[in-house]
Amino acid sequence: ACGQWEKALEVAEKSDRIHLRTTHYAYAQHLEKVGDYLGAVKHFEAADCGAVEVTRMYYQGGMLDELETYINKQ
């Protein structure tokens, strides 16, 4: 909630593995909102929901070229 995402990810990796995917997902949503789409892709994939969320993000954002590139890489 206070923007310390790296610290939150570190804590989740070391002490709270049950919330690790949730933390990656929340961070990816934050990155998407601030326009860091490549970072969002990385964390959506770490949250194990990349196929759905990255497709949605690129499609809703009108970034069809990026969507095509992402799909071809997968």
N, C-alpha and C. Protein backbone atom coordinates (compact mmCIF):
# COMPACT_ATOMS: atom_id res chain seq x y z
N ALA A 1 0.82 -1.20 0.00
CA ALA A 1 0.00 0.00 0.00
C ALA A 1 0.86 1.26 0.00
N CYS A 2 2.10 1.16 0.45
CA CYS A 2 2.93 2.35 0.53
C CYS A 2 3.98 2.40 -0.57
N GLY A 3 3.84 1.53 -1.57
CA GLY A 3 4.73 1.60 -2.72
C GLY A 3 6.06 0.89 -2.56
N GLN A 4 6.25 0.12 -1.51
CA GLN A 4 7.51 -0.60 -1.31
C GLN A 4 7.39 -2.01 -1.90
N TRP A 5 7.25 -2.07 -3.22
CA TRP A 5 6.99 -3.33 -3.89
C TRP A 5 8.15 -4.30 -3.81
N GLU A 6 9.35 -3.81 -3.97
CA GLU A 6 10.51 -4.71 -3.91
C GLU A 6 10.62 -5.36 -2.54
N LYS A 7 10.37 -4.59 -1.51
CA LYS A 7 10.41 -5.14 -0.15
C LYS A 7 9.28 -6.14 0.05
N ALA A 8 8.10 -5.84 -0.48
CA ALA A 8 6.96 -6.75 -0.36
C ALA A 8 7.25 -8.07 -1.07
N LEU A 9 7.86 -8.00 -2.25
CA LEU A 9 8.21 -9.21 -2.98
C LEU A 9 9.28 -10.01 -2.23
N GLU A 10 10.23 -9.32 -1.65
CA GLU A 10 11.29 -9.98 -0.89
C GLU A 10 10.71 -10.72 0.32
N VAL A 11 9.83 -10.06 1.05
CA VAL A 11 9.20 -10.69 2.21
C VAL A 11 8.37 -11.90 1.77
N ALA A 12 7.62 -11.74 0.69
CA ALA A 12 6.78 -12.84 0.21
C ALA A 12 7.64 -14.03 -0.22
N GLU A 13 8.78 -13.77 -0.85
CA GLU A 13 9.65 -14.86 -1.29
C GLU A 13 10.28 -15.59 -0.12
N LYS A 14 10.65 -14.87 0.91
CA LYS A 14 11.36 -15.48 2.03
C LYS A 14 10.43 -16.01 3.12
N SER A 15 9.38 -15.28 3.45
CA SER A 15 8.60 -15.60 4.64
C SER A 15 7.13 -15.88 4.40
N ASP A 16 6.61 -15.53 3.25
CA ASP A 16 5.16 -15.62 3.03
C ASP A 16 4.88 -16.14 1.63
N ARG A 17 5.40 -17.32 1.32
CA ARG A 17 5.30 -17.86 -0.04
C ARG A 17 3.87 -18.06 -0.50
N ILE A 18 2.95 -18.21 0.44
CA ILE A 18 1.56 -18.43 0.06
C ILE A 18 0.97 -17.21 -0.65
N HIS A 19 1.51 -16.02 -0.39
CA HIS A 19 1.01 -14.79 -1.00
C HIS A 19 1.92 -14.26 -2.10
N LEU A 20 2.89 -15.05 -2.53
CA LEU A 20 3.86 -14.58 -3.53
C LEU A 20 3.18 -14.25 -4.86
N ARG A 21 2.36 -15.13 -5.37
CA ARG A 21 1.67 -14.85 -6.64
C ARG A 21 0.74 -13.66 -6.52
N THR A 22 0.05 -13.55 -5.40
CA THR A 22 -0.85 -12.42 -5.18
C THR A 22 -0.07 -11.11 -5.17
N THR A 23 1.10 -11.12 -4.57
CA THR A 23 1.93 -9.92 -4.52
C THR A 23 2.43 -9.56 -5.91
N HIS A 24 2.86 -10.54 -6.68
CA HIS A 24 3.27 -10.28 -8.07
C HIS A 24 2.10 -9.71 -8.88
N TYR A 25 0.92 -10.26 -8.68
CA TYR A 25 -0.26 -9.79 -9.41
C TYR A 25 -0.59 -8.34 -9.06
N ALA A 26 -0.57 -8.02 -7.78
CA ALA A 26 -0.87 -6.65 -7.35
C ALA A 26 0.18 -5.67 -7.89
N TYR A 27 1.43 -6.09 -7.88
CA TYR A 27 2.49 -5.24 -8.41
C TYR A 27 2.33 -5.04 -9.92
N ALA A 28 1.95 -6.11 -10.62
CA ALA A 28 1.72 -6.00 -12.06
C ALA A 28 0.58 -5.04 -12.36
N GLN A 29 -0.48 -5.09 -11.58
CA GLN A 29 -1.59 -4.15 -11.77
C GLN A 29 -1.12 -2.72 -11.55
N HIS A 30 -0.30 -2.50 -10.55
CA HIS A 30 0.25 -1.17 -10.28
C HIS A 30 1.09 -0.69 -11.47
N LEU A 31 1.97 -1.58 -11.95
CA LEU A 31 2.83 -1.21 -13.07
C LEU A 31 2.01 -0.89 -14.32
N GLU A 32 0.96 -1.64 -14.53
CA GLU A 32 0.08 -1.37 -15.67
C GLU A 32 -0.53 0.02 -15.55
N LYS A 33 -0.98 0.38 -14.37
CA LYS A 33 -1.62 1.68 -14.16
C LYS A 33 -0.67 2.84 -14.38
N VAL A 34 0.62 2.64 -14.06
CA VAL A 34 1.58 3.73 -14.23
C VAL A 34 2.24 3.69 -15.61
N GLY A 35 1.86 2.70 -16.44
CA GLY A 35 2.34 2.67 -17.82
C GLY A 35 3.60 1.85 -18.06
N ASP A 36 4.07 1.10 -17.07
CA ASP A 36 5.24 0.24 -17.25
C ASP A 36 4.76 -1.13 -17.70
N TYR A 37 4.46 -1.25 -18.99
CA TYR A 37 3.85 -2.47 -19.50
C TYR A 37 4.82 -3.65 -19.51
N LEU A 38 6.08 -3.42 -19.79
CA LEU A 38 7.05 -4.52 -19.78
C LEU A 38 7.22 -5.08 -18.37
N GLY A 39 7.27 -4.21 -17.40
CA GLY A 39 7.34 -4.66 -16.01
C GLY A 39 6.09 -5.41 -15.60
N ALA A 40 4.94 -4.92 -16.07
CA ALA A 40 3.67 -5.58 -15.77
C ALA A 40 3.64 -6.98 -16.36
N VAL A 41 4.14 -7.13 -17.58
CA VAL A 41 4.18 -8.44 -18.22
C VAL A 41 5.00 -9.40 -17.37
N LYS A 42 6.15 -8.95 -16.94
CA LYS A 42 7.05 -9.79 -16.13
C LYS A 42 6.34 -10.28 -14.87
N HIS A 43 5.63 -9.39 -14.20
CA HIS A 43 5.01 -9.78 -12.93
C HIS A 43 3.69 -10.52 -13.13
N PHE A 44 2.96 -10.25 -14.21
CA PHE A 44 1.78 -11.07 -14.52
C PHE A 44 2.22 -12.51 -14.78
N GLU A 45 3.33 -12.67 -15.49
CA GLU A 45 3.83 -14.02 -15.75
C GLU A 45 4.29 -14.69 -14.46
N ALA A 46 4.93 -13.93 -13.57
CA ALA A 46 5.35 -14.49 -12.28
C ALA A 46 4.15 -14.88 -11.42
N ALA A 47 3.02 -14.20 -11.64
CA ALA A 47 1.80 -14.53 -10.91
C ALA A 47 1.05 -15.69 -11.56
N ASP A 48 1.61 -16.21 -12.65
CA ASP A 48 1.05 -17.36 -13.37
C ASP A 48 -0.31 -17.04 -14.00
N CYS A 49 -0.46 -15.81 -14.46
CA CYS A 49 -1.69 -15.42 -15.16
C CYS A 49 -1.35 -14.56 -16.38
N GLY A 50 -0.16 -14.74 -16.90
CA GLY A 50 0.31 -13.92 -18.01
C GLY A 50 -0.53 -14.04 -19.26
N ALA A 51 -0.92 -15.25 -19.60
CA ALA A 51 -1.66 -15.45 -20.86
C ALA A 51 -2.94 -14.63 -20.88
N VAL A 52 -3.66 -14.63 -19.79
CA VAL A 52 -4.94 -13.91 -19.74
C VAL A 52 -4.73 -12.42 -19.53
N GLU A 53 -3.95 -12.06 -18.52
CA GLU A 53 -3.83 -10.65 -18.14
C GLU A 53 -3.02 -9.83 -19.14
N VAL A 54 -1.96 -10.39 -19.69
CA VAL A 54 -1.17 -9.64 -20.66
C VAL A 54 -1.98 -9.43 -21.93
N THR A 55 -2.71 -10.46 -22.34
CA THR A 55 -3.58 -10.31 -23.51
C THR A 55 -4.61 -9.22 -23.27
N ARG A 56 -5.24 -9.23 -22.10
CA ARG A 56 -6.23 -8.21 -21.76
C ARG A 56 -5.61 -6.81 -21.76
N MET A 57 -4.46 -6.69 -21.12
CA MET A 57 -3.80 -5.40 -20.99
C MET A 57 -3.47 -4.81 -22.37
N TYR A 58 -2.87 -5.61 -23.22
CA TYR A 58 -2.52 -5.11 -24.55
C TYR A 58 -3.76 -4.84 -25.40
N TYR A 59 -4.76 -5.71 -25.32
CA TYR A 59 -5.97 -5.53 -26.13
C TYR A 59 -6.73 -4.28 -25.70
N GLN A 60 -6.95 -4.13 -24.40
CA GLN A 60 -7.69 -2.96 -23.91
C GLN A 60 -6.92 -1.67 -24.14
N GLY A 61 -5.62 -1.75 -24.13
CA GLY A 61 -4.79 -0.57 -24.36
C GLY A 61 -4.63 -0.23 -25.82
N GLY A 62 -5.17 -1.07 -26.70
CA GLY A 62 -5.06 -0.82 -28.13
C GLY A 62 -3.67 -1.08 -28.68
N MET A 63 -2.88 -1.85 -27.96
CA MET A 63 -1.51 -2.14 -28.38
C MET A 63 -1.47 -3.49 -29.08
N LEU A 64 -2.09 -3.54 -30.25
CA LEU A 64 -2.25 -4.80 -30.95
C LEU A 64 -0.93 -5.33 -31.51
N ASP A 65 -0.01 -4.46 -31.87
CA ASP A 65 1.29 -4.92 -32.34
C ASP A 65 2.06 -5.61 -31.22
N GLU A 66 2.01 -5.02 -30.02
CA GLU A 66 2.65 -5.64 -28.86
C GLU A 66 1.99 -6.97 -28.51
N LEU A 67 0.66 -7.02 -28.64
CA LEU A 67 -0.07 -8.25 -28.38
C LEU A 67 0.36 -9.34 -29.35
N GLU A 68 0.46 -9.01 -30.63
CA GLU A 68 0.88 -9.99 -31.62
C GLU A 68 2.29 -10.49 -31.33
N THR A 69 3.18 -9.59 -30.98
CA THR A 69 4.55 -9.97 -30.65
C THR A 69 4.57 -10.89 -29.44
N TYR A 70 3.78 -10.55 -28.42
CA TYR A 70 3.73 -11.37 -27.20
C TYR A 70 3.21 -12.77 -27.52
N ILE A 71 2.16 -12.85 -28.30
CA ILE A 71 1.58 -14.15 -28.64
C ILE A 71 2.57 -14.99 -29.45
N ASN A 72 3.26 -14.37 -30.38
CA ASN A 72 4.23 -15.10 -31.19
C ASN A 72 5.41 -15.60 -30.36
N LYS A 73 5.80 -14.85 -29.33
CA LYS A 73 6.88 -15.28 -28.45
C LYS A 73 6.45 -16.44 -27.56
N GLN A 74 5.18 -16.51 -27.25
CA GLN A 74 4.68 -17.58 -26.38
C GLN A 74 4.52 -18.84 -27.17
